[in-house]
Amino acid sequence: MVMAMKPIIALLVLLLVLLQYKLWLGDGSIPEVWRLNEALGRQGQENERLRERNFVLEVEVKDLKQGLEAVEERARRELGMIKEGETFYQVVEPLAQRSPISER
């Protein structure tokens, strides 16, 4: 009776080792699930950042489609354009009154 138990016990131990291997090192292992959960969290944060950026762009597109004020403001800010008939004044401070940006 004892001799018949040894192969069964050996088989059960072998099965336990194989199952543990699959659990810790095989496909779908616990460490792999942890890595995937971390990647999922990072992707969720990136998606949220892109969702916010898309919302801002969508609002800007609607504004550009509806009126020329946004186009005019952008041209003034980014291109330095002025309207016809406007006078542009540039104020330049004397060198003595300027605050030093950095000492070299």
PDB file of N, CA and C in Angstrom:
ATOM      1  N   MET A   1       0.819  -1.194   0.000  1.00  0.00           N
ATOM      2  CA  MET A   1       0.000   0.000   0.000  1.00  0.00           C
ATOM      3  C   MET A   1       0.866   1.262   0.000  1.00  0.00           C
ATOM      4  N   VAL A   2       1.949   1.269   0.771  1.00  0.00           N
ATOM      5  CA  VAL A   2       2.840   2.428   0.843  1.00  0.00           C
ATOM      6  C   VAL A   2       3.552   2.628  -0.477  1.00  0.00           C
ATOM      7  N   MET A   3       3.867   1.550  -1.171  1.00  0.00           N
ATOM      8  CA  MET A   3       4.554   1.658  -2.455  1.00  0.00           C
ATOM      9  C   MET A   3       3.657   2.302  -3.509  1.00  0.00           C
ATOM     10  N   ALA A   4       2.370   2.100  -3.437  1.00  0.00           N
ATOM     11  CA  ALA A   4       1.442   2.681  -4.401  1.00  0.00           C
ATOM     12  C   ALA A   4       1.229   4.158  -4.153  1.00  0.00           C
ATOM     13  N   MET A   5       1.479   4.621  -2.944  1.00  0.00           N
ATOM     14  CA  MET A   5       1.281   6.031  -2.589  1.00  0.00           C
ATOM     15  C   MET A   5       2.427   6.914  -3.085  1.00  0.00           C
ATOM     16  N   LYS A   6       3.640   6.390  -3.178  1.00  0.00           N
ATOM     17  CA  LYS A   6       4.801   7.193  -3.578  1.00  0.00           C
ATOM     18  C   LYS A   6       4.641   7.769  -4.983  1.00  0.00           C
ATOM     19  N   PRO A   7       4.223   7.008  -5.988  1.00  0.00           N
ATOM     20  CA  PRO A   7       4.047   7.624  -7.313  1.00  0.00           C
ATOM     21  C   PRO A   7       2.926   8.664  -7.336  1.00  0.00           C
ATOM     22  N   ILE A   8       1.882   8.449  -6.574  1.00  0.00           N
ATOM     23  CA  ILE A   8       0.774   9.409  -6.526  1.00  0.00           C
ATOM     24  C   ILE A   8       1.242  10.710  -5.881  1.00  0.00           C
ATOM     25  N   ILE A   9       1.998  10.586  -4.790  1.00  0.00           N
ATOM     26  CA  ILE A   9       2.508  11.783  -4.109  1.00  0.00           C
ATOM     27  C   ILE A   9       3.477  12.522  -5.035  1.00  0.00           C
ATOM     28  N   ALA A  10       4.346  11.801  -5.728  1.00  0.00           N
ATOM     29  CA  ALA A  10       5.291  12.422  -6.649  1.00  0.00           C
ATOM     30  C   ALA A  10       4.541  13.141  -7.772  1.00  0.00           C
ATOM     31  N   LEU A  11       3.498  12.543  -8.286  1.00  0.00           N
ATOM     32  CA  LEU A  11       2.694  13.151  -9.340  1.00  0.00           C
ATOM     33  C   LEU A  11       2.000  14.424  -8.842  1.00  0.00           C
ATOM     34  N   LEU A  12       1.467  14.360  -7.628  1.00  0.00           N
ATOM     35  CA  LEU A  12       0.811  15.542  -7.059  1.00  0.00           C
ATOM     36  C   LEU A  12       1.805  16.680  -6.825  1.00  0.00           C
ATOM     37  N   VAL A  13       3.011  16.350  -6.362  1.00  0.00           N
ATOM     38  CA  VAL A  13       4.042  17.376  -6.150  1.00  0.00           C
ATOM     39  C   VAL A  13       4.446  17.990  -7.500  1.00  0.00           C
ATOM     40  N   LEU A  14       4.596  17.153  -8.509  1.00  0.00           N
ATOM     41  CA  LEU A  14       4.934  17.644  -9.839  1.00  0.00           C
ATOM     42  C   LEU A  14       3.840  18.571 -10.370  1.00  0.00           C
ATOM     43  N   LEU A  15       2.589  18.209 -10.204  1.00  0.00           N
ATOM     44  CA  LEU A  15       1.484  19.064 -10.629  1.00  0.00           C
ATOM     45  C   LEU A  15       1.480  20.396  -9.880  1.00  0.00           C
ATOM     46  N   LEU A  16       1.765  20.347  -8.590  1.00  0.00           N
ATOM     47  CA  LEU A  16       1.829  21.570  -7.792  1.00  0.00           C
ATOM     48  C   LEU A  16       2.937  22.490  -8.304  1.00  0.00           C
ATOM     49  N   VAL A  17       4.105  21.934  -8.615  1.00  0.00           N
ATOM     50  CA  VAL A  17       5.217  22.732  -9.129  1.00  0.00           C
ATOM     51  C   VAL A  17       4.852  23.345 -10.481  1.00  0.00           C
ATOM     52  N   LEU A  18       4.232  22.569 -11.351  1.00  0.00           N
ATOM     53  CA  LEU A  18       3.825  23.102 -12.657  1.00  0.00           C
ATOM     54  C   LEU A  18       2.794  24.217 -12.519  1.00  0.00           C
ATOM     55  N   LEU A  19       1.846  24.063 -11.625  1.00  0.00           N
ATOM     56  CA  LEU A  19       0.843  25.111 -11.420  1.00  0.00           C
ATOM     57  C   LEU A  19       1.471  26.372 -10.831  1.00  0.00           C
ATOM     58  N   GLN A  20       2.408  26.217  -9.918  1.00  0.00           N
ATOM     59  CA  GLN A  20       3.088  27.369  -9.336  1.00  0.00           C
ATOM     60  C   GLN A  20       3.924  28.091 -10.391  1.00  0.00           C
ATOM     61  N   TYR A  21       4.572  27.303 -11.267  1.00  0.00           N
ATOM     62  CA  TYR A  21       5.355  27.909 -12.344  1.00  0.00           C
ATOM     63  C   TYR A  21       4.457  28.778 -13.220  1.00  0.00           C
ATOM     64  N   LYS A  22       3.320  28.244 -13.609  1.00  0.00           N
ATOM     65  CA  LYS A  22       2.391  28.990 -14.462  1.00  0.00           C
ATOM     66  C   LYS A  22       1.891  30.243 -13.742  1.00  0.00           C
ATOM     67  N   LEU A  23       1.638  30.119 -12.441  1.00  0.00           N
ATOM     68  CA  LEU A  23       1.131  31.250 -11.668  1.00  0.00           C
ATOM     69  C   LEU A  23       2.152  32.379 -11.575  1.00  0.00           C
ATOM     70  N   TRP A  24       3.413  32.070 -11.393  1.00  0.00           N
ATOM     71  CA  TRP A  24       4.417  33.096 -11.151  1.00  0.00           C
ATOM     72  C   TRP A  24       5.236  33.467 -12.380  1.00  0.00           C
ATOM     73  N   LEU A  25       5.377  32.567 -13.354  1.00  0.00           N
ATOM     74  CA  LEU A  25       6.270  32.853 -14.479  1.00  0.00           C
ATOM     75  C   LEU A  25       5.629  32.707 -15.850  1.00  0.00           C
ATOM     76  N   GLY A  26       4.503  32.055 -15.952  1.00  0.00           N
ATOM     77  CA  GLY A  26       3.896  31.790 -17.262  1.00  0.00           C
ATOM     78  C   GLY A  26       3.070  32.954 -17.782  1.00  0.00           C
ATOM     79  N   ASP A  27       2.381  32.698 -18.896  1.00  0.00           N
ATOM     80  CA  ASP A  27       1.485  33.706 -19.466  1.00  0.00           C
ATOM     81  C   ASP A  27       0.358  33.993 -18.485  1.00  0.00           C
ATOM     82  N   GLY A  28       0.045  35.267 -18.297  1.00  0.00           N
ATOM     83  CA  GLY A  28      -1.016  35.644 -17.369  1.00  0.00           C
ATOM     84  C   GLY A  28      -0.594  35.519 -15.918  1.00  0.00           C
ATOM     85  N   SER A  29       0.713  35.542 -15.662  1.00  0.00           N
ATOM     86  CA  SER A  29       1.210  35.400 -14.292  1.00  0.00           C
ATOM     87  C   SER A  29       0.889  36.651 -13.471  1.00  0.00           C
ATOM     88  N   ILE A  30       1.047  36.519 -12.190  1.00  0.00           N
ATOM     89  CA  ILE A  30       0.753  37.636 -11.284  1.00  0.00           C
ATOM     90  C   ILE A  30       1.627  38.858 -11.603  1.00  0.00           C
ATOM     91  N   PRO A  31       2.960  38.711 -11.773  1.00  0.00           N
ATOM     92  CA  PRO A  31       3.759  39.906 -12.121  1.00  0.00           C
ATOM     93  C   PRO A  31       3.326  40.548 -13.439  1.00  0.00           C
ATOM     94  N   GLU A  32       2.933  39.751 -14.405  1.00  0.00           N
ATOM     95  CA  GLU A  32       2.460  40.311 -15.680  1.00  0.00           C
ATOM     96  C   GLU A  32       1.172  41.105 -15.482  1.00  0.00           C
ATOM     97  N   VAL A  33       0.286  40.601 -14.651  1.00  0.00           N
ATOM     98  CA  VAL A  33      -0.959  41.313 -14.362  1.00  0.00           C
ATOM     99  C   VAL A  33      -0.653  42.639 -13.676  1.00  0.00           C
ATOM    100  N   TRP A  34       0.318  42.659 -12.759  1.00  0.00           N
ATOM    101  CA  TRP A  34       0.706  43.908 -12.098  1.00  0.00           C
ATOM    102  C   TRP A  34       1.234  44.910 -13.115  1.00  0.00           C
ATOM    103  N   ARG A  35       2.112  44.445 -14.018  1.00  0.00           N
ATOM    104  CA  ARG A  35       2.658  45.358 -15.040  1.00  0.00           C
ATOM    105  C   ARG A  35       1.549  45.900 -15.935  1.00  0.00           C
ATOM    106  N   LEU A  36       0.620  45.042 -16.308  1.00  0.00           N
ATOM    107  CA  LEU A  36      -0.481  45.496 -17.165  1.00  0.00           C
ATOM    108  C   LEU A  36      -1.377  46.505 -16.448  1.00  0.00           C
ATOM    109  N   ASN A  37      -1.614  46.309 -15.158  1.00  0.00           N
ATOM    110  CA  ASN A  37      -2.414  47.268 -14.392  1.00  0.00           C
ATOM    111  C   ASN A  37      -1.724  48.623 -14.314  1.00  0.00           C
ATOM    112  N   GLU A  38      -0.397  48.622 -14.143  1.00  0.00           N
ATOM    113  CA  GLU A  38       0.346  49.884 -14.121  1.00  0.00           C
ATOM    114  C   GLU A  38       0.267  50.578 -15.480  1.00  0.00           C
ATOM    115  N   ALA A  39       0.432  49.801 -16.549  1.00  0.00           N
ATOM    116  CA  ALA A  39       0.349  50.374 -17.895  1.00  0.00           C
ATOM    117  C   ALA A  39      -1.047  50.920 -18.157  1.00  0.00           C
ATOM    118  N   LEU A  40      -2.061  50.236 -17.674  1.00  0.00           N
ATOM    119  CA  LEU A  40      -3.439  50.694 -17.832  1.00  0.00           C
ATOM    120  C   LEU A  40      -3.655  52.025 -17.112  1.00  0.00           C
ATOM    121  N   GLY A  41      -3.091  52.157 -15.915  1.00  0.00           N
ATOM    122  CA  GLY A  41      -3.203  53.421 -15.180  1.00  0.00           C
ATOM    123  C   GLY A  41      -2.526  54.570 -15.905  1.00  0.00           C
ATOM    124  N   ARG A  42      -1.310  54.302 -16.421  1.00  0.00           N
ATOM    125  CA  ARG A  42      -0.595  55.345 -17.172  1.00  0.00           C
ATOM    126  C   ARG A  42      -1.364  55.737 -18.427  1.00  0.00           C
ATOM    127  N   GLN A  43      -1.929  54.751 -19.118  1.00  0.00           N
ATOM    128  CA  GLN A  43      -2.690  55.044 -20.333  1.00  0.00           C
ATOM    129  C   GLN A  43      -3.949  55.839 -20.006  1.00  0.00           C
ATOM    130  N   GLY A  44      -4.581  55.538 -18.877  1.00  0.00           N
ATOM    131  CA  GLY A  44      -5.759  56.299 -18.459  1.00  0.00           C
ATOM    132  C   GLY A  44      -5.422  57.756 -18.206  1.00  0.00           C
ATOM    133  N   GLN A  45      -4.267  58.009 -17.566  1.00  0.00           N
ATOM    134  CA  GLN A  45      -3.842  59.388 -17.332  1.00  0.00           C
ATOM    135  C   GLN A  45      -3.561  60.105 -18.649  1.00  0.00           C
ATOM    136  N   GLU A  46      -2.898  59.417 -19.572  1.00  0.00           N
ATOM    137  CA  GLU A  46      -2.607  60.003 -20.878  1.00  0.00           C
ATOM    138  C   GLU A  46      -3.906  60.298 -21.631  1.00  0.00           C
ATOM    139  N   ASN A  47      -4.863  59.382 -21.557  1.00  0.00           N
ATOM    140  CA  ASN A  47      -6.157  59.599 -22.215  1.00  0.00           C
ATOM    141  C   ASN A  47      -6.866  60.819 -21.640  1.00  0.00           C
ATOM    142  N   GLU A  48      -6.810  60.984 -20.334  1.00  0.00           N
ATOM    143  CA  GLU A  48      -7.462  62.140 -19.697  1.00  0.00           C
ATOM    144  C   GLU A  48      -6.795  63.441 -20.142  1.00  0.00           C
ATOM    145  N   ARG A  49      -5.447  63.442 -20.213  1.00  0.00           N
ATOM    146  CA  ARG A  49      -4.730  64.636 -20.663  1.00  0.00           C
ATOM    147  C   ARG A  49      -5.125  64.967 -22.113  1.00  0.00           C
ATOM    148  N   LEU A  50      -5.193  63.951 -22.950  1.00  0.00           N
ATOM    149  CA  LEU A  50      -5.563  64.180 -24.350  1.00  0.00           C
ATOM    150  C   LEU A  50      -7.023  64.599 -24.489  1.00  0.00           C
ATOM    151  N   ARG A  51      -7.883  64.090 -23.627  1.00  0.00           N
ATOM    152  CA  ARG A  51      -9.292  64.473 -23.646  1.00  0.00           C
ATOM    153  C   ARG A  51      -9.424  65.964 -23.331  1.00  0.00           C
ATOM    154  N   GLU A  52      -8.662  66.427 -22.341  1.00  0.00           N
ATOM    155  CA  GLU A  52      -8.698  67.851 -21.989  1.00  0.00           C
ATOM    156  C   GLU A  52      -8.162  68.711 -23.131  1.00  0.00           C
ATOM    157  N   ARG A  53      -7.059  68.264 -23.758  1.00  0.00           N
ATOM    158  CA  ARG A  53      -6.492  69.004 -24.885  1.00  0.00           C
ATOM    159  C   ARG A  53      -7.482  69.069 -26.042  1.00  0.00           C
ATOM    160  N   ASN A  54      -8.155  67.955 -26.319  1.00  0.00           N
ATOM    161  CA  ASN A  54      -9.136  67.931 -27.397  1.00  0.00           C
ATOM    162  C   ASN A  54     -10.301  68.866 -27.110  1.00  0.00           C
ATOM    163  N   PHE A  55     -10.716  68.948 -25.843  1.00  0.00           N
ATOM    164  CA  PHE A  55     -11.801  69.861 -25.475  1.00  0.00           C
ATOM    165  C   PHE A  55     -11.392  71.303 -25.754  1.00  0.00           C
ATOM    166  N   VAL A  56     -10.176  71.661 -25.374  1.00  0.00           N
ATOM    167  CA  VAL A  56      -9.690  73.027 -25.611  1.00  0.00           C
ATOM    168  C   VAL A  56      -9.635  73.307 -27.115  1.00  0.00           C
ATOM    169  N   LEU A  57      -9.142  72.350 -27.874  1.00  0.00           N
ATOM    170  CA  LEU A  57      -9.078  72.540 -29.329  1.00  0.00           C
ATOM    171  C   LEU A  57     -10.465  72.638 -29.944  1.00  0.00           C
ATOM    172  N   GLU A  58     -11.398  71.848 -29.438  1.00  0.00           N
ATOM    173  CA  GLU A  58     -12.776  71.891 -29.949  1.00  0.00           C
ATOM    174  C   GLU A  58     -13.403  73.256 -29.696  1.00  0.00           C
ATOM    175  N   VAL A  59     -13.185  73.795 -28.506  1.00  0.00           N
ATOM    176  CA  VAL A  59     -13.716  75.124 -28.188  1.00  0.00           C
ATOM    177  C   VAL A  59     -13.088  76.167 -29.105  1.00  0.00           C
ATOM    178  N   GLU A  60     -11.789  76.047 -29.349  1.00  0.00           N
ATOM    179  CA  GLU A  60     -11.109  77.008 -30.223  1.00  0.00           C
ATOM    180  C   GLU A  60     -11.628  76.908 -31.660  1.00  0.00           C
ATOM    181  N   VAL A  61     -11.860  75.699 -32.140  1.00  0.00           N
ATOM    182  CA  VAL A  61     -12.383  75.519 -33.499  1.00  0.00           C
ATOM    183  C   VAL A  61     -13.773  76.135 -33.616  1.00  0.00           C
ATOM    184  N   LYS A  62     -14.633  75.904 -32.615  1.00  0.00           N
ATOM    185  CA  LYS A  62     -15.972  76.499 -32.647  1.00  0.00           C
ATOM    186  C   LYS A  62     -15.880  78.011 -32.660  1.00  0.00           C
ATOM    187  N   ASP A  63     -14.958  78.562 -31.860  1.00  0.00           N
ATOM    188  CA  ASP A  63     -14.791  80.007 -31.805  1.00  0.00           C
ATOM    189  C   ASP A  63     -14.307  80.545 -33.147  1.00  0.00           C
ATOM    190  N   LEU A  64     -13.388  79.824 -33.779  1.00  0.00           N
ATOM    191  CA  LEU A  64     -12.886  80.269 -35.080  1.00  0.00           C
ATOM    192  C   LEU A  64     -13.966  80.193 -36.149  1.00  0.00           C
ATOM    193  N   LYS A  65     -14.843  79.217 -36.076  1.00  0.00           N
ATOM    194  CA  LYS A  65     -15.916  79.081 -37.067  1.00  0.00           C
ATOM    195  C   LYS A  65     -16.989  80.143 -36.889  1.00  0.00           C
ATOM    196  N   GLN A  66     -17.201  80.592 -35.640  1.00  0.00           N
ATOM    197  CA  GLN A  66     -18.312  81.499 -35.369  1.00  0.00           C
ATOM    198  C   GLN A  66     -17.984  82.959 -35.607  1.00  0.00           C
ATOM    199  N   GLY A  67     -16.772  83.361 -35.393  1.00  0.00           N
ATOM    200  CA  GLY A  67     -16.511  84.785 -35.526  1.00  0.00           C
ATOM    201  C   GLY A  67     -15.081  85.089 -35.877  1.00  0.00           C
ATOM    202  N   LEU A  68     -14.875  86.341 -36.233  1.00  0.00           N
ATOM    203  CA  LEU A  68     -13.547  86.766 -36.625  1.00  0.00           C
ATOM    204  C   LEU A  68     -12.750  87.338 -35.460  1.00  0.00           C
ATOM    205  N   GLU A  69     -13.390  87.517 -34.295  1.00  0.00           N
ATOM    206  CA  GLU A  69     -12.659  88.089 -33.169  1.00  0.00           C
ATOM    207  C   GLU A  69     -11.485  87.219 -32.762  1.00  0.00           C
ATOM    208  N   ALA A  70     -11.689  85.914 -32.762  1.00  0.00           N
ATOM    209  CA  ALA A  70     -10.615  85.003 -32.364  1.00  0.00           C
ATOM    210  C   ALA A  70      -9.479  85.040 -33.386  1.00  0.00           C
ATOM    211  N   VAL A  71      -9.834  85.126 -34.668  1.00  0.00           N
ATOM    212  CA  VAL A  71      -8.818  85.197 -35.710  1.00  0.00           C
ATOM    213  C   VAL A  71      -8.030  86.494 -35.565  1.00  0.00           C
ATOM    214  N   GLU A  72      -8.751  87.572 -35.331  1.00  0.00           N
ATOM    215  CA  GLU A  72      -8.096  88.874 -35.179  1.00  0.00           C
ATOM    216  C   GLU A  72      -7.180  88.877 -33.956  1.00  0.00           C
ATOM    217  N   GLU A  73      -7.663  88.343 -32.849  1.00  0.00           N
ATOM    218  CA  GLU A  73      -6.860  88.317 -31.627  1.00  0.00           C
ATOM    219  C   GLU A  73      -5.612  87.473 -31.823  1.00  0.00           C
ATOM    220  N   ARG A  74      -5.756  86.345 -32.502  1.00  0.00           N
ATOM    221  CA  ARG A  74      -4.609  85.470 -32.730  1.00  0.00           C
ATOM    222  C   ARG A  74      -3.599  86.128 -33.665  1.00  0.00           C
ATOM    223  N   ALA A  75      -4.077  86.818 -34.679  1.00  0.00           N
ATOM    224  CA  ALA A  75      -3.181  87.514 -35.608  1.00  0.00           C
ATOM    225  C   ALA A  75      -2.420  88.616 -34.883  1.00  0.00           C
ATOM    226  N   ARG A  76      -3.089  89.322 -34.006  1.00  0.00           N
ATOM    227  CA  ARG A  76      -2.418  90.378 -33.245  1.00  0.00           C
ATOM    228  C   ARG A  76      -1.348  89.796 -32.315  1.00  0.00           C
ATOM    229  N   ARG A  77      -1.720  88.739 -31.606  1.00  0.00           N
ATOM    230  CA  ARG A  77      -0.825  88.162 -30.606  1.00  0.00           C
ATOM    231  C   ARG A  77       0.350  87.434 -31.250  1.00  0.00           C
ATOM    232  N   GLU A  78       0.070  86.567 -32.210  1.00  0.00           N
ATOM    233  CA  GLU A  78       1.119  85.712 -32.756  1.00  0.00           C
ATOM    234  C   GLU A  78       1.891  86.343 -33.910  1.00  0.00           C
ATOM    235  N   LEU A  79       1.226  87.179 -34.678  1.00  0.00           N
ATOM    236  CA  LEU A  79       1.876  87.746 -35.858  1.00  0.00           C
ATOM    237  C   LEU A  79       2.186  89.231 -35.724  1.00  0.00           C
ATOM    238  N   GLY A  80       1.710  89.857 -34.657  1.00  0.00           N
ATOM    239  CA  GLY A  80       1.973  91.272 -34.447  1.00  0.00           C
ATOM    240  C   GLY A  80       1.249  92.172 -35.440  1.00  0.00           C
ATOM    241  N   MET A  81       0.124  91.728 -35.967  1.00  0.00           N
ATOM    242  CA  MET A  81      -0.608  92.503 -36.972  1.00  0.00           C
ATOM    243  C   MET A  81      -1.448  93.588 -36.297  1.00  0.00           C
ATOM    244  N   ILE A  82      -1.713  94.636 -37.055  1.00  0.00           N
ATOM    245  CA  ILE A  82      -2.572  95.722 -36.587  1.00  0.00           C
ATOM    246  C   ILE A  82      -3.616  95.994 -37.665  1.00  0.00           C
ATOM    247  N   LYS A  83      -4.723  96.610 -37.235  1.00  0.00           N
ATOM    248  CA  LYS A  83      -5.800  96.937 -38.178  1.00  0.00           C
ATOM    249  C   LYS A  83      -5.407  98.129 -39.034  1.00  0.00           C
ATOM    250  N   GLU A  84      -6.058  98.211 -40.176  1.00  0.00           N
ATOM    251  CA  GLU A  84      -5.850  99.360 -41.036  1.00  0.00           C
ATOM    252  C   GLU A  84      -6.400 100.592 -40.322  1.00  0.00           C
ATOM    253  N   GLY A  85      -5.627 101.650 -40.313  1.00  0.00           N
ATOM    254  CA  GLY A  85      -6.043 102.877 -39.655  1.00  0.00           C
ATOM    255  C   GLY A  85      -5.571 102.969 -38.204  1.00  0.00           C
ATOM    256  N   GLU A  86      -5.091 101.902 -37.639  1.00  0.00           N
ATOM    257  CA  GLU A  86      -4.574 101.939 -36.270  1.00  0.00           C
ATOM    258  C   GLU A  86      -3.143 102.453 -36.289  1.00  0.00           C
ATOM    259  N   THR A  87      -2.751 103.032 -35.172  1.00  0.00           N
ATOM    260  CA  THR A  87      -1.374 103.487 -35.020  1.00  0.00           C
ATOM    261  C   THR A  87      -0.712 102.593 -33.988  1.00  0.00           C
ATOM    262  N   PHE A  88       0.448 102.075 -34.336  1.00  0.00           N
ATOM    263  CA  PHE A  88       1.173 101.174 -33.439  1.00  0.00           C
ATOM    264  C   PHE A  88       2.235 101.965 -32.704  1.00  0.00           C
ATOM    265  N   TYR A  89       2.230 101.875 -31.385  1.00  0.00           N
ATOM    266  CA  TYR A  89       3.227 102.537 -30.558  1.00  0.00           C
ATOM    267  C   TYR A  89       4.030 101.460 -29.835  1.00  0.00           C
ATOM    268  N   GLN A  90       5.341 101.566 -29.930  1.00  0.00           N
ATOM    269  CA  GLN A  90       6.206 100.640 -29.203  1.00  0.00           C
ATOM    270  C   GLN A  90       6.978 101.453 -28.183  1.00  0.00           C
ATOM    271  N   VAL A  91       6.843 101.084 -26.922  1.00  0.00           N
ATOM    272  CA  VAL A  91       7.517 101.783 -25.845  1.00  0.00           C
ATOM    273  C   VAL A  91       8.806 101.034 -25.536  1.00  0.00           C
ATOM    274  N   VAL A  92       9.910 101.735 -25.644  1.00  0.00           N
ATOM    275  CA  VAL A  92      11.220 101.146 -25.370  1.00  0.00           C
ATOM    276  C   VAL A  92      11.805 101.869 -24.173  1.00  0.00           C
ATOM    277  N   GLU A  93      12.129 101.102 -23.139  1.00  0.00           N
ATOM    278  CA  GLU A  93      12.707 101.704 -21.939  1.00  0.00           C
ATOM    279  C   GLU A  93      14.173 102.011 -22.180  1.00  0.00           C
ATOM    280  N   PRO A  94      14.671 103.099 -21.585  1.00  0.00           N
ATOM    281  CA  PRO A  94      16.109 103.376 -21.669  1.00  0.00           C
ATOM    282  C   PRO A  94      16.891 102.249 -20.983  1.00  0.00           C
ATOM    283  N   LEU A  95      18.129 102.046 -21.392  1.00  0.00           N
ATOM    284  CA  LEU A  95      18.924 100.956 -20.838  1.00  0.00           C
ATOM    285  C   LEU A  95      19.098 101.051 -19.330  1.00  0.00           C
ATOM    286  N   ALA A  96      19.199 102.253 -18.774  1.00  0.00           N
ATOM    287  CA  ALA A  96      19.404 102.422 -17.339  1.00  0.00           C
ATOM    288  C   ALA A  96      18.193 101.955 -16.528  1.00  0.00           C
ATOM    289  N   GLN A  97      17.004 102.000 -17.071  1.00  0.00           N
ATOM    290  CA  GLN A  97      15.812 101.639 -16.328  1.00  0.00           C
ATOM    291  C   GLN A  97      15.444 100.159 -16.466  1.00  0.00           C
ATOM    292  N   ARG A  98      16.050  99.466 -17.387  1.00  0.00           N
ATOM    293  CA  ARG A  98      15.739  98.055 -17.589  1.00  0.00           C
ATOM    294  C   ARG A  98      16.272  97.229 -16.427  1.00  0.00           C
ATOM    295  N   SER A  99      15.512  96.234 -16.039  1.00  0.00           N
ATOM    296  CA  SER A  99      15.975  95.337 -14.978  1.00  0.00           C
ATOM    297  C   SER A  99      16.867  94.280 -15.612  1.00  0.00           C
ATOM    298  N   PRO A 100      17.986  94.009 -14.984  1.00  0.00           N
ATOM    299  CA  PRO A 100      18.912  93.022 -15.552  1.00  0.00           C
ATOM    300  C   PRO A 100      18.279  91.619 -15.487  1.00  0.00           C
ATOM    301  N   ILE A 101      18.335  90.921 -16.590  1.00  0.00           N
ATOM    302  CA  ILE A 101      17.763  89.586 -16.634  1.00  0.00           C
ATOM    303  C   ILE A 101      18.748  88.590 -16.021  1.00  0.00           C
ATOM    304  N   SER A 102      19.970  88.680 -16.432  1.00  0.00           N
ATOM    305  CA  SER A 102      20.990  87.795 -15.835  1.00  0.00           C
ATOM    306  C   SER A 102      22.353  88.456 -15.963  1.00  0.00           C
ATOM    307  N   GLU A 103      23.170  88.219 -15.011  1.00  0.00           N
ATOM    308  CA  GLU A 103      24.537  88.722 -15.014  1.00  0.00           C
ATOM    309  C   GLU A 103      25.426  87.636 -15.601  1.00  0.00           C
ATOM    310  N   ARG A 104      26.245  88.000 -16.593  1.00  0.00           N
ATOM    311  CA  ARG A 104      27.114  86.983 -17.217  1.00  0.00           C
ATOM    312  C   ARG A 104      28.538  87.310 -16.991  1.00  0.00           C
TER     313      ARG A 104
END
